[in-house]
């Protein structure tokens, strides 16, 4: 995906990159510590907190990598068209995809 291509070009521990549009805010990042990615999410340490120098690619002597993530906050209810959409004046629809630093799926 485009997000994964952008993440691959990011340096380890660099600040997240945010793209704002009228309908959503997209945040991508690369970090060794998912426990402090966003205040709306909670990840248990120690599995989601790794050394600052964790590599992007696993190596024989360092099999644990850092993490990358794709976080989307929708400004409008993307499910408003659905009959099963709960009736509410407020909605918060978000998507978080946590990945290895090399953007491969996490083995959980």
PDB file of N, CA and C in Angstrom:
ATOM      1  N   UNK A   1       0.832  -1.196   0.000  1.00  0.00           N
ATOM      2  CA  UNK A   1       0.000   0.000   0.000  1.00  0.00           C
ATOM      3  C   UNK A   1       0.868   1.247   0.000  1.00  0.00           C
ATOM      4  N   UNK A   2       0.255   2.375  -0.223  1.00  0.00           N
ATOM      5  CA  UNK A   2       0.988   3.643  -0.211  1.00  0.00           C
ATOM      6  C   UNK A   2       1.549   3.911   1.179  1.00  0.00           C
ATOM      7  N   UNK A   3       0.756   3.637   2.215  1.00  0.00           N
ATOM      8  CA  UNK A   3       1.210   3.875   3.590  1.00  0.00           C
ATOM      9  C   UNK A   3       2.456   3.053   3.896  1.00  0.00           C
ATOM     10  N   UNK A   4       2.443   1.782   3.525  1.00  0.00           N
ATOM     11  CA  UNK A   4       3.597   0.929   3.796  1.00  0.00           C
ATOM     12  C   UNK A   4       4.832   1.418   3.053  1.00  0.00           C
ATOM     13  N   UNK A   5       4.668   1.908   1.842  1.00  0.00           N
ATOM     14  CA  UNK A   5       5.802   2.452   1.088  1.00  0.00           C
ATOM     15  C   UNK A   5       6.381   3.673   1.786  1.00  0.00           C
ATOM     16  N   UNK A   6       5.507   4.537   2.302  1.00  0.00           N
ATOM     17  CA  UNK A   6       5.985   5.717   3.028  1.00  0.00           C
ATOM     18  C   UNK A   6       6.698   5.327   4.316  1.00  0.00           C
ATOM     19  N   UNK A   7       6.160   4.348   5.034  1.00  0.00           N
ATOM     20  CA  UNK A   7       6.779   3.901   6.284  1.00  0.00           C
ATOM     21  C   UNK A   7       8.167   3.339   6.025  1.00  0.00           C
ATOM     22  N   UNK A   8       8.326   2.570   4.968  1.00  0.00           N
ATOM     23  CA  UNK A   8       9.643   1.987   4.656  1.00  0.00           C
ATOM     24  C   UNK A   8      10.701   3.061   4.459  1.00  0.00           C
ATOM     25  N   UNK A   9      10.290   4.235   4.008  1.00  0.00           N
ATOM     26  CA  UNK A   9      11.231   5.339   3.818  1.00  0.00           C
ATOM     27  C   UNK A   9      11.497   6.150   5.069  1.00  0.00           C
ATOM     28  N   UNK A  10      10.790   5.864   6.152  1.00  0.00           N
ATOM     29  CA  UNK A  10      10.964   6.616   7.396  1.00  0.00           C
ATOM     30  C   UNK A  10      12.161   6.080   8.189  1.00  0.00           C
ATOM     31  N   UNK A  11      12.815   6.974   8.902  1.00  0.00           N
ATOM     32  CA  UNK A  11      13.907   6.575   9.787  1.00  0.00           C
ATOM     33  C   UNK A  11      13.333   6.051  11.098  1.00  0.00           C
ATOM     34  N   UNK A  12      14.060   5.147  11.711  1.00  0.00           N
ATOM     35  CA  UNK A  12      13.659   4.618  13.017  1.00  0.00           C
ATOM     36  C   UNK A  12      13.553   5.761  14.023  1.00  0.00           C
ATOM     37  N   UNK A  13      12.517   5.738  14.856  1.00  0.00           N
ATOM     38  CA  UNK A  13      12.281   6.739  15.902  1.00  0.00           C
ATOM     39  C   UNK A  13      11.998   8.142  15.374  1.00  0.00           C
ATOM     40  N   UNK A  14      11.660   8.273  14.094  1.00  0.00           N
ATOM     41  CA  UNK A  14      11.330   9.601  13.575  1.00  0.00           C
ATOM     42  C   UNK A  14       9.918   9.983  14.031  1.00  0.00           C
ATOM     43  N   UNK A  15       9.617  11.275  14.057  1.00  0.00           N
ATOM     44  CA  UNK A  15       8.271  11.686  14.469  1.00  0.00           C
ATOM     45  C   UNK A  15       7.224  11.139  13.500  1.00  0.00           C
ATOM     46  N   UNK A  16       6.011  10.910  13.976  1.00  0.00           N
ATOM     47  CA  UNK A  16       4.954  10.436  13.074  1.00  0.00           C
ATOM     48  C   UNK A  16       4.670  11.458  11.973  1.00  0.00           C
ATOM     49  N   UNK A  17       4.185  10.980  10.855  1.00  0.00           N
ATOM     50  CA  UNK A  17       3.796  11.841   9.740  1.00  0.00           C
ATOM     51  C   UNK A  17       2.273  11.851   9.688  1.00  0.00           C
ATOM     52  N   UNK A  18       1.691  13.056   9.628  1.00  0.00           N
ATOM     53  CA  UNK A  18       0.239  13.214   9.668  1.00  0.00           C
ATOM     54  C   UNK A  18      -0.237  13.857   8.369  1.00  0.00           C
ATOM     55  N   UNK A  19      -1.292  13.268   7.808  1.00  0.00           N
ATOM     56  CA  UNK A  19      -1.943  13.803   6.622  1.00  0.00           C
ATOM     57  C   UNK A  19      -3.392  14.119   7.003  1.00  0.00           C
ATOM     58  N   UNK A  20      -3.766  15.399   6.926  1.00  0.00           N
ATOM     59  CA  UNK A  20      -5.128  15.827   7.254  1.00  0.00           C
ATOM     60  C   UNK A  20      -5.929  16.036   5.979  1.00  0.00           C
ATOM     61  N   UNK A  21      -7.133  15.482   5.953  1.00  0.00           N
ATOM     62  CA  UNK A  21      -8.066  15.729   4.860  1.00  0.00           C
ATOM     63  C   UNK A  21      -9.397  16.144   5.486  1.00  0.00           C
ATOM     64  N   UNK A  22     -10.375  16.435   4.659  1.00  0.00           N
ATOM     65  CA  UNK A  22     -11.687  16.811   5.184  1.00  0.00           C
ATOM     66  C   UNK A  22     -12.402  15.643   5.848  1.00  0.00           C
ATOM     67  N   UNK A  23     -12.133  14.427   5.410  1.00  0.00           N
ATOM     68  CA  UNK A  23     -12.869  13.271   5.930  1.00  0.00           C
ATOM     69  C   UNK A  23     -12.078  12.395   6.886  1.00  0.00           C
ATOM     70  N   UNK A  24     -10.761  12.488   6.890  1.00  0.00           N
ATOM     71  CA  UNK A  24      -9.979  11.661   7.806  1.00  0.00           C
ATOM     72  C   UNK A  24      -8.609  12.274   8.071  1.00  0.00           C
ATOM     73  N   UNK A  25      -7.997  11.830   9.156  1.00  0.00           N
ATOM     74  CA  UNK A  25      -6.607  12.171   9.491  1.00  0.00           C
ATOM     75  C   UNK A  25      -5.830  10.864   9.499  1.00  0.00           C
ATOM     76  N   UNK A  26      -4.806  10.792   8.699  1.00  0.00           N
ATOM     77  CA  UNK A  26      -3.967   9.601   8.581  1.00  0.00           C
ATOM     78  C   UNK A  26      -2.634   9.885   9.267  1.00  0.00           C
ATOM     79  N   UNK A  27      -2.250   9.024  10.193  1.00  0.00           N
ATOM     80  CA  UNK A  27      -0.965   9.143  10.878  1.00  0.00           C
ATOM     81  C   UNK A  27      -0.200   7.855  10.661  1.00  0.00           C
ATOM     82  N   UNK A  28       1.056   7.974  10.217  1.00  0.00           N
ATOM     83  CA  UNK A  28       1.921   6.806  10.060  1.00  0.00           C
ATOM     84  C   UNK A  28       3.177   7.029  10.885  1.00  0.00           C
ATOM     85  N   UNK A  29       3.735   5.947  11.378  1.00  0.00           N
ATOM     86  CA  UNK A  29       4.928   6.089  12.195  1.00  0.00           C
ATOM     87  C   UNK A  29       5.723   4.813  12.292  1.00  0.00           C
ATOM     88  N   UNK A  30       6.941   4.979  12.783  1.00  0.00           N
ATOM     89  CA  UNK A  30       7.853   3.861  13.012  1.00  0.00           C
ATOM     90  C   UNK A  30       8.490   4.087  14.377  1.00  0.00           C
ATOM     91  N   UNK A  31       8.343   3.110  15.267  1.00  0.00           N
ATOM     92  CA  UNK A  31       8.781   3.287  16.646  1.00  0.00           C
ATOM     93  C   UNK A  31       9.132   1.933  17.266  1.00  0.00           C
ATOM     94  N   UNK A  32      10.026   1.915  18.240  1.00  0.00           N
ATOM     95  CA  UNK A  32      10.253   0.664  18.974  1.00  0.00           C
ATOM     96  C   UNK A  32       9.279   0.506  20.152  1.00  0.00           C
ATOM     97  N   UNK A  33       8.421   1.519  20.375  1.00  0.00           N
ATOM     98  CA  UNK A  33       7.579   1.534  21.573  1.00  0.00           C
ATOM     99  C   UNK A  33       6.125   1.854  21.218  1.00  0.00           C
ATOM    100  N   UNK A  34       5.312   0.824  21.024  1.00  0.00           N
ATOM    101  CA  UNK A  34       3.895   1.055  20.733  1.00  0.00           C
ATOM    102  C   UNK A  34       3.107   1.469  21.965  1.00  0.00           C
ATOM    103  N   UNK A  35       3.694   1.336  23.164  1.00  0.00           N
ATOM    104  CA  UNK A  35       2.969   1.679  24.389  1.00  0.00           C
ATOM    105  C   UNK A  35       2.700   3.178  24.497  1.00  0.00           C
ATOM    106  N   UNK A  36       3.388   3.989  23.701  1.00  0.00           N
ATOM    107  CA  UNK A  36       3.163   5.433  23.759  1.00  0.00           C
ATOM    108  C   UNK A  36       2.795   6.006  22.394  1.00  0.00           C
ATOM    109  N   UNK A  37       2.213   5.181  21.528  1.00  0.00           N
ATOM    110  CA  UNK A  37       1.864   5.629  20.184  1.00  0.00           C
ATOM    111  C   UNK A  37       0.759   6.667  20.181  1.00  0.00           C
ATOM    112  N   UNK A  38      -0.323   6.384  20.899  1.00  0.00           N
ATOM    113  CA  UNK A  38      -1.468   7.286  20.893  1.00  0.00           C
ATOM    114  C   UNK A  38      -2.224   7.113  22.208  1.00  0.00           C
ATOM    115  N   UNK A  39      -2.753   8.200  22.731  1.00  0.00           N
ATOM    116  CA  UNK A  39      -3.429   8.137  24.029  1.00  0.00           C
ATOM    117  C   UNK A  39      -4.710   7.302  24.002  1.00  0.00           C
ATOM    118  N   UNK A  40      -5.264   7.048  22.834  1.00  0.00           N
ATOM    119  CA  UNK A  40      -6.490   6.255  22.735  1.00  0.00           C
ATOM    120  C   UNK A  40      -6.244   4.750  22.742  1.00  0.00           C
ATOM    121  N   UNK A  41      -4.999   4.336  22.677  1.00  0.00           N
ATOM    122  CA  UNK A  41      -4.686   2.912  22.610  1.00  0.00           C
ATOM    123  C   UNK A  41      -3.740   2.520  23.728  1.00  0.00           C
ATOM    124  N   UNK A  42      -3.907   1.306  24.207  1.00  0.00           N
ATOM    125  CA  UNK A  42      -3.066   0.796  25.281  1.00  0.00           C
ATOM    126  C   UNK A  42      -2.478  -0.546  24.854  1.00  0.00           C
ATOM    127  N   UNK A  43      -1.170  -0.625  24.847  1.00  0.00           N
ATOM    128  CA  UNK A  43      -0.471  -1.858  24.515  1.00  0.00           C
ATOM    129  C   UNK A  43       0.355  -2.290  25.718  1.00  0.00           C
ATOM    130  N   UNK A  44       0.277  -3.542  26.100  1.00  0.00           N
ATOM    131  CA  UNK A  44       1.023  -3.983  27.278  1.00  0.00           C
ATOM    132  C   UNK A  44       2.521  -4.115  27.005  1.00  0.00           C
ATOM    133  N   UNK A  45       3.315  -3.543  27.906  1.00  0.00           N
ATOM    134  CA  UNK A  45       4.751  -3.778  27.884  1.00  0.00           C
ATOM    135  C   UNK A  45       4.957  -5.125  28.571  1.00  0.00           C
ATOM    136  N   UNK A  46       5.971  -5.884  28.349  1.00  0.00           N
ATOM    137  CA  UNK A  46       7.159  -5.554  27.586  1.00  0.00           C
ATOM    138  C   UNK A  46       7.071  -5.929  26.104  1.00  0.00           C
ATOM    139  N   UNK A  47       6.067  -6.708  25.677  1.00  0.00           N
ATOM    140  CA  UNK A  47       6.064  -7.157  24.285  1.00  0.00           C
ATOM    141  C   UNK A  47       6.029  -5.991  23.301  1.00  0.00           C
ATOM    142  N   UNK A  48       5.281  -4.944  23.611  1.00  0.00           N
ATOM    143  CA  UNK A  48       5.125  -3.837  22.685  1.00  0.00           C
ATOM    144  C   UNK A  48       6.078  -2.684  22.974  1.00  0.00           C
ATOM    145  N   UNK A  49       7.078  -2.933  23.815  1.00  0.00           N
ATOM    146  CA  UNK A  49       8.116  -1.936  24.090  1.00  0.00           C
ATOM    147  C   UNK A  49       9.459  -2.630  23.922  1.00  0.00           C
ATOM    148  N   UNK A  50      10.215  -2.176  22.946  1.00  0.00           N
ATOM    149  CA  UNK A  50      11.488  -2.810  22.611  1.00  0.00           C
ATOM    150  C   UNK A  50      12.613  -1.783  22.700  1.00  0.00           C
ATOM    151  N   UNK A  51      13.866  -2.250  22.696  1.00  0.00           N
ATOM    152  CA  UNK A  51      14.990  -1.299  22.777  1.00  0.00           C
ATOM    153  C   UNK A  51      14.957  -0.278  21.635  1.00  0.00           C
ATOM    154  N   UNK A  52      15.441   0.924  21.907  1.00  0.00           N
ATOM    155  CA  UNK A  52      15.423   2.015  20.924  1.00  0.00           C
ATOM    156  C   UNK A  52      16.165   1.671  19.642  1.00  0.00           C
ATOM    157  N   UNK A  53      17.141   0.772  19.723  1.00  0.00           N
ATOM    158  CA  UNK A  53      17.919   0.415  18.525  1.00  0.00           C
ATOM    159  C   UNK A  53      17.405  -0.858  17.844  1.00  0.00           C
ATOM    160  N   UNK A  54      16.154  -1.238  18.101  1.00  0.00           N
ATOM    161  CA  UNK A  54      15.585  -2.428  17.465  1.00  0.00           C
ATOM    162  C   UNK A  54      15.604  -2.264  15.954  1.00  0.00           C
ATOM    163  N   UNK A  55      16.031  -3.299  15.227  1.00  0.00           N
ATOM    164  CA  UNK A  55      16.164  -3.173  13.772  1.00  0.00           C
ATOM    165  C   UNK A  55      14.811  -3.215  13.061  1.00  0.00           C
ATOM    166  N   UNK A  56      14.798  -2.731  11.828  1.00  0.00           N
ATOM    167  CA  UNK A  56      13.596  -2.828  10.992  1.00  0.00           C
ATOM    168  C   UNK A  56      13.410  -4.253  10.469  1.00  0.00           C
ATOM    169  N   UNK A  57      14.501  -4.905  10.171  1.00  0.00           N
ATOM    170  CA  UNK A  57      14.477  -6.274   9.658  1.00  0.00           C
ATOM    171  C   UNK A  57      15.040  -7.219  10.711  1.00  0.00           C
ATOM    172  N   UNK A  58      14.403  -8.376  10.921  1.00  0.00           N
ATOM    173  CA  UNK A  58      14.961  -9.335  11.881  1.00  0.00           C
ATOM    174  C   UNK A  58      16.302  -9.877  11.384  1.00  0.00           C
ATOM    175  N   UNK A  59      17.173 -10.167  12.321  1.00  0.00           N
ATOM    176  CA  UNK A  59      18.485 -10.739  12.012  1.00  0.00           C
ATOM    177  C   UNK A  59      18.666 -11.972  12.893  1.00  0.00           C
ATOM    178  N   UNK A  60      19.589 -12.856  12.536  1.00  0.00           N
ATOM    179  CA  UNK A  60      19.776 -14.073  13.342  1.00  0.00           C
ATOM    180  C   UNK A  60      20.034 -13.789  14.822  1.00  0.00           C
ATOM    181  N   UNK A  61      20.744 -12.711  15.111  1.00  0.00           N
ATOM    182  CA  UNK A  61      21.062 -12.390  16.501  1.00  0.00           C
ATOM    183  C   UNK A  61      20.068 -11.407  17.130  1.00  0.00           C
ATOM    184  N   UNK A  62      19.128 -10.846  16.330  1.00  0.00           N
ATOM    185  CA  UNK A  62      18.115  -9.905  16.824  1.00  0.00           C
ATOM    186  C   UNK A  62      16.813 -10.158  16.074  1.00  0.00           C
ATOM    187  N   UNK A  63      16.035 -11.081  16.587  1.00  0.00           N
ATOM    188  CA  UNK A  63      14.821 -11.475  15.874  1.00  0.00           C
ATOM    189  C   UNK A  63      13.646 -10.528  16.102  1.00  0.00           C
ATOM    190  N   UNK A  64      13.669  -9.752  17.195  1.00  0.00           N
ATOM    191  CA  UNK A  64      12.593  -8.800  17.455  1.00  0.00           C
ATOM    192  C   UNK A  64      12.882  -7.486  16.750  1.00  0.00           C
ATOM    193  N   UNK A  65      11.893  -7.006  16.008  1.00  0.00           N
ATOM    194  CA  UNK A  65      12.048  -5.735  15.303  1.00  0.00           C
ATOM    195  C   UNK A  65      11.299  -4.637  16.058  1.00  0.00           C
ATOM    196  N   UNK A  66      11.484  -3.420  15.577  1.00  0.00           N
ATOM    197  CA  UNK A  66      10.652  -2.326  16.052  1.00  0.00           C
ATOM    198  C   UNK A  66       9.267  -2.471  15.437  1.00  0.00           C
ATOM    199  N   UNK A  67       8.465  -1.432  15.545  1.00  0.00           N
ATOM    200  CA  UNK A  67       7.099  -1.464  15.048  1.00  0.00           C
ATOM    201  C   UNK A  67       6.874  -0.314  14.073  1.00  0.00           C
ATOM    202  N   UNK A  68       5.851  -0.464  13.270  1.00  0.00           N
ATOM    203  CA  UNK A  68       5.321   0.641  12.488  1.00  0.00           C
ATOM    204  C   UNK A  68       3.804   0.603  12.642  1.00  0.00           C
ATOM    205  N   UNK A  69       3.152   1.686  12.291  1.00  0.00           N
ATOM    206  CA  UNK A  69       1.696   1.716  12.459  1.00  0.00           C
ATOM    207  C   UNK A  69       1.057   2.660  11.462  1.00  0.00           C
ATOM    208  N   UNK A  70      -0.209   2.355  11.185  1.00  0.00           N
ATOM    209  CA  UNK A  70      -1.068   3.185  10.354  1.00  0.00           C
ATOM    210  C   UNK A  70      -2.307   3.469  11.207  1.00  0.00           C
ATOM    211  N   UNK A  71      -2.561   4.733  11.467  1.00  0.00           N
ATOM    212  CA  UNK A  71      -3.679   5.132  12.326  1.00  0.00           C
ATOM    213  C   UNK A  71      -4.560   6.105  11.551  1.00  0.00           C
ATOM    214  N   UNK A  72      -5.842   5.801  11.453  1.00  0.00           N
ATOM    215  CA  UNK A  72      -6.786   6.649  10.727  1.00  0.00           C
ATOM    216  C   UNK A  72      -7.909   7.072  11.669  1.00  0.00           C
ATOM    217  N   UNK A  73      -8.127   8.380  11.770  1.00  0.00           N
ATOM    218  CA  UNK A  73      -9.248   8.937  12.515  1.00  0.00           C
ATOM    219  C   UNK A  73     -10.215   9.527  11.486  1.00  0.00           C
ATOM    220  N   UNK A  74     -11.422   9.010  11.452  1.00  0.00           N
ATOM    221  CA  UNK A  74     -12.410   9.476  10.476  1.00  0.00           C
ATOM    222  C   UNK A  74     -13.173  10.660  11.051  1.00  0.00           C
ATOM    223  N   UNK A  75     -13.317  11.727  10.278  1.00  0.00           N
ATOM    224  CA  UNK A  75     -14.011  12.938  10.725  1.00  0.00           C
ATOM    225  C   UNK A  75     -15.520  12.823  10.528  1.00  0.00           C
ATOM    226  N   UNK A  76     -15.934  11.913   9.677  1.00  0.00           N
ATOM    227  CA  UNK A  76     -17.354  11.650   9.458  1.00  0.00           C
ATOM    228  C   UNK A  76     -17.586  10.160   9.668  1.00  0.00           C
ATOM    229  N   UNK A  77     -18.825   9.814   9.932  1.00  0.00           N
ATOM    230  CA  UNK A  77     -19.158   8.415  10.169  1.00  0.00           C
ATOM    231  C   UNK A  77     -19.179   7.674   8.832  1.00  0.00           C
ATOM    232  N   UNK A  78     -18.192   6.848   8.601  1.00  0.00           N
ATOM    233  CA  UNK A  78     -18.085   6.142   7.321  1.00  0.00           C
ATOM    234  C   UNK A  78     -19.113   5.031   7.189  1.00  0.00           C
ATOM    235  N   UNK A  79     -19.834   4.746   8.270  1.00  0.00           N
ATOM    236  CA  UNK A  79     -20.870   3.708   8.231  1.00  0.00           C
ATOM    237  C   UNK A  79     -22.274   4.303   8.227  1.00  0.00           C
ATOM    238  N   UNK A  80     -22.426   5.574   7.971  1.00  0.00           N
ATOM    239  CA  UNK A  80     -23.742   6.217   8.032  1.00  0.00           C
ATOM    240  C   UNK A  80     -24.728   5.632   7.030  1.00  0.00           C
ATOM    241  N   UNK A  81     -24.259   5.049   5.982  1.00  0.00           N
ATOM    242  CA  UNK A  81     -25.120   4.448   4.952  1.00  0.00           C
ATOM    243  C   UNK A  81     -25.779   3.149   5.418  1.00  0.00           C
ATOM    244  N   UNK A  82     -25.229   2.519   6.445  1.00  0.00           N
ATOM    245  CA  UNK A  82     -25.675   1.193   6.855  1.00  0.00           C
ATOM    246  C   UNK A  82     -26.903   1.254   7.763  1.00  0.00           C
ATOM    247  N   UNK A  83     -27.867   0.359   7.518  1.00  0.00           N
ATOM    248  CA  UNK A  83     -29.051   0.261   8.371  1.00  0.00           C
ATOM    249  C   UNK A  83     -28.697  -0.185   9.784  1.00  0.00           C
ATOM    250  N   UNK A  84     -27.555  -0.871   9.953  1.00  0.00           N
ATOM    251  CA  UNK A  84     -27.144  -1.342  11.284  1.00  0.00           C
ATOM    252  C   UNK A  84     -26.326  -0.309  12.047  1.00  0.00           C
ATOM    253  N   UNK A  85     -26.112   0.853  11.457  1.00  0.00           N
ATOM    254  CA  UNK A  85     -25.366   1.919  12.113  1.00  0.00           C
ATOM    255  C   UNK A  85     -26.164   2.414  13.321  1.00  0.00           C
ATOM    256  N   UNK A  86     -25.596   2.398  14.529  1.00  0.00           N
ATOM    257  CA  UNK A  86     -26.338   2.875  15.705  1.00  0.00           C
ATOM    258  C   UNK A  86     -26.722   4.347  15.572  1.00  0.00           C
ATOM    259  N   UNK A  87     -27.915   4.687  16.010  1.00  0.00           N
ATOM    260  CA  UNK A  87     -28.367   6.071  15.970  1.00  0.00           C
ATOM    261  C   UNK A  87     -27.650   6.832  17.078  1.00  0.00           C
ATOM    262  N   UNK A  88     -26.943   7.880  16.676  1.00  0.00           N
ATOM    263  CA  UNK A  88     -26.176   8.663  17.649  1.00  0.00           C
ATOM    264  C   UNK A  88     -25.797   9.989  17.027  1.00  0.00           C
ATOM    265  N   UNK A  89     -25.679  11.005  17.865  1.00  0.00           N
ATOM    266  CA  UNK A  89     -25.178  12.295  17.392  1.00  0.00           C
ATOM    267  C   UNK A  89     -23.660  12.324  17.384  1.00  0.00           C
ATOM    268  N   UNK A  90     -23.052  11.414  18.129  1.00  0.00           N
ATOM    269  CA  UNK A  90     -21.602  11.350  18.218  1.00  0.00           C
ATOM    270  C   UNK A  90     -21.116  10.027  17.650  1.00  0.00           C
ATOM    271  N   UNK A  91     -20.009  10.087  17.006  1.00  0.00           N
ATOM    272  CA  UNK A  91     -19.384   8.842  16.546  1.00  0.00           C
ATOM    273  C   UNK A  91     -17.880   9.041  16.499  1.00  0.00           C
ATOM    274  N   UNK A  92     -17.184   7.988  16.810  1.00  0.00           N
ATOM    275  CA  UNK A  92     -15.729   7.993  16.708  1.00  0.00           C
ATOM    276  C   UNK A  92     -15.330   6.691  16.038  1.00  0.00           C
ATOM    277  N   UNK A  93     -14.934   6.800  14.791  1.00  0.00           N
ATOM    278  CA  UNK A  93     -14.492   5.621  14.063  1.00  0.00           C
ATOM    279  C   UNK A  93     -13.008   5.798  13.802  1.00  0.00           C
ATOM    280  N   UNK A  94     -12.226   4.836  14.268  1.00  0.00           N
ATOM    281  CA  UNK A  94     -10.778   4.878  14.082  1.00  0.00           C
ATOM    282  C   UNK A  94     -10.300   3.502  13.634  1.00  0.00           C
ATOM    283  N   UNK A  95      -9.167   3.494  12.973  1.00  0.00           N
ATOM    284  CA  UNK A  95      -8.527   2.249  12.560  1.00  0.00           C
ATOM    285  C   UNK A  95      -7.059   2.331  12.943  1.00  0.00           C
ATOM    286  N   UNK A  96      -6.553   1.301  13.584  1.00  0.00           N
ATOM    287  CA  UNK A  96      -5.134   1.214  13.900  1.00  0.00           C
ATOM    288  C   UNK A  96      -4.617  -0.115  13.377  1.00  0.00           C
ATOM    289  N   UNK A  97      -3.590  -0.047  12.561  1.00  0.00           N
ATOM    290  CA  UNK A  97      -2.932  -1.247  12.061  1.00  0.00           C
ATOM    291  C   UNK A  97      -1.498  -1.220  12.590  1.00  0.00           C
ATOM    292  N   UNK A  98      -1.191  -2.147  13.473  1.00  0.00           N
ATOM    293  CA  UNK A  98       0.163  -2.256  14.033  1.00  0.00           C
ATOM    294  C   UNK A  98       0.916  -3.310  13.233  1.00  0.00           C
ATOM    295  N   UNK A  99       2.155  -2.985  12.885  1.00  0.00           N
ATOM    296  CA  UNK A  99       2.978  -3.833  12.023  1.00  0.00           C
ATOM    297  C   UNK A  99       4.396  -3.924  12.568  1.00  0.00           C
ATOM    298  N   UNK A 100       5.182  -4.839  12.012  1.00  0.00           N
ATOM    299  CA  UNK A 100       6.617  -4.819  12.259  1.00  0.00           C
ATOM    300  C   UNK A 100       7.196  -3.560  11.614  1.00  0.00           C
ATOM    301  N   UNK A 101       8.369  -3.152  12.005  1.00  0.00           N
ATOM    302  CA  UNK A 101       8.985  -1.947  11.443  1.00  0.00           C
ATOM    303  C   UNK A 101       9.162  -2.052   9.938  1.00  0.00           C
ATOM    304  N   UNK A 102       9.329  -3.273   9.427  1.00  0.00           N
ATOM    305  CA  UNK A 102       9.495  -3.478   7.989  1.00  0.00           C
ATOM    306  C   UNK A 102       8.147  -3.556   7.269  1.00  0.00           C
ATOM    307  N   UNK A 103       7.063  -3.281   7.961  1.00  0.00           N
ATOM    308  CA  UNK A 103       5.663  -3.250   7.510  1.00  0.00           C
ATOM    309  C   UNK A 103       5.056  -4.628   7.261  1.00  0.00           C
ATOM    310  N   UNK A 104       5.719  -5.678   7.702  1.00  0.00           N
ATOM    311  CA  UNK A 104       5.110  -7.008   7.628  1.00  0.00           C
ATOM    312  C   UNK A 104       4.173  -7.176   8.833  1.00  0.00           C
ATOM    313  N   UNK A 105       3.200  -8.078   8.700  1.00  0.00           N
ATOM    314  CA  UNK A 105       2.250  -8.314   9.783  1.00  0.00           C
ATOM    315  C   UNK A 105       2.946  -8.788  11.044  1.00  0.00           C
ATOM    316  N   UNK A 106       2.407  -8.392  12.196  1.00  0.00           N
ATOM    317  CA  UNK A 106       2.922  -8.862  13.473  1.00  0.00           C
ATOM    318  C   UNK A 106       2.499 -10.306  13.699  1.00  0.00           C
ATOM    319  N   UNK A 107       3.375 -11.092  14.248  1.00  0.00           N
ATOM    320  CA  UNK A 107       3.044 -12.460  14.646  1.00  0.00           C
ATOM    321  C   UNK A 107       2.612 -12.432  16.102  1.00  0.00           C
ATOM    322  N   UNK A 108       1.320 -12.481  16.336  1.00  0.00           N
ATOM    323  CA  UNK A 108       0.818 -12.421  17.710  1.00  0.00           C
ATOM    324  C   UNK A 108       0.285 -13.754  18.146  1.00  0.00           C
TER     325      UNK A 108
END
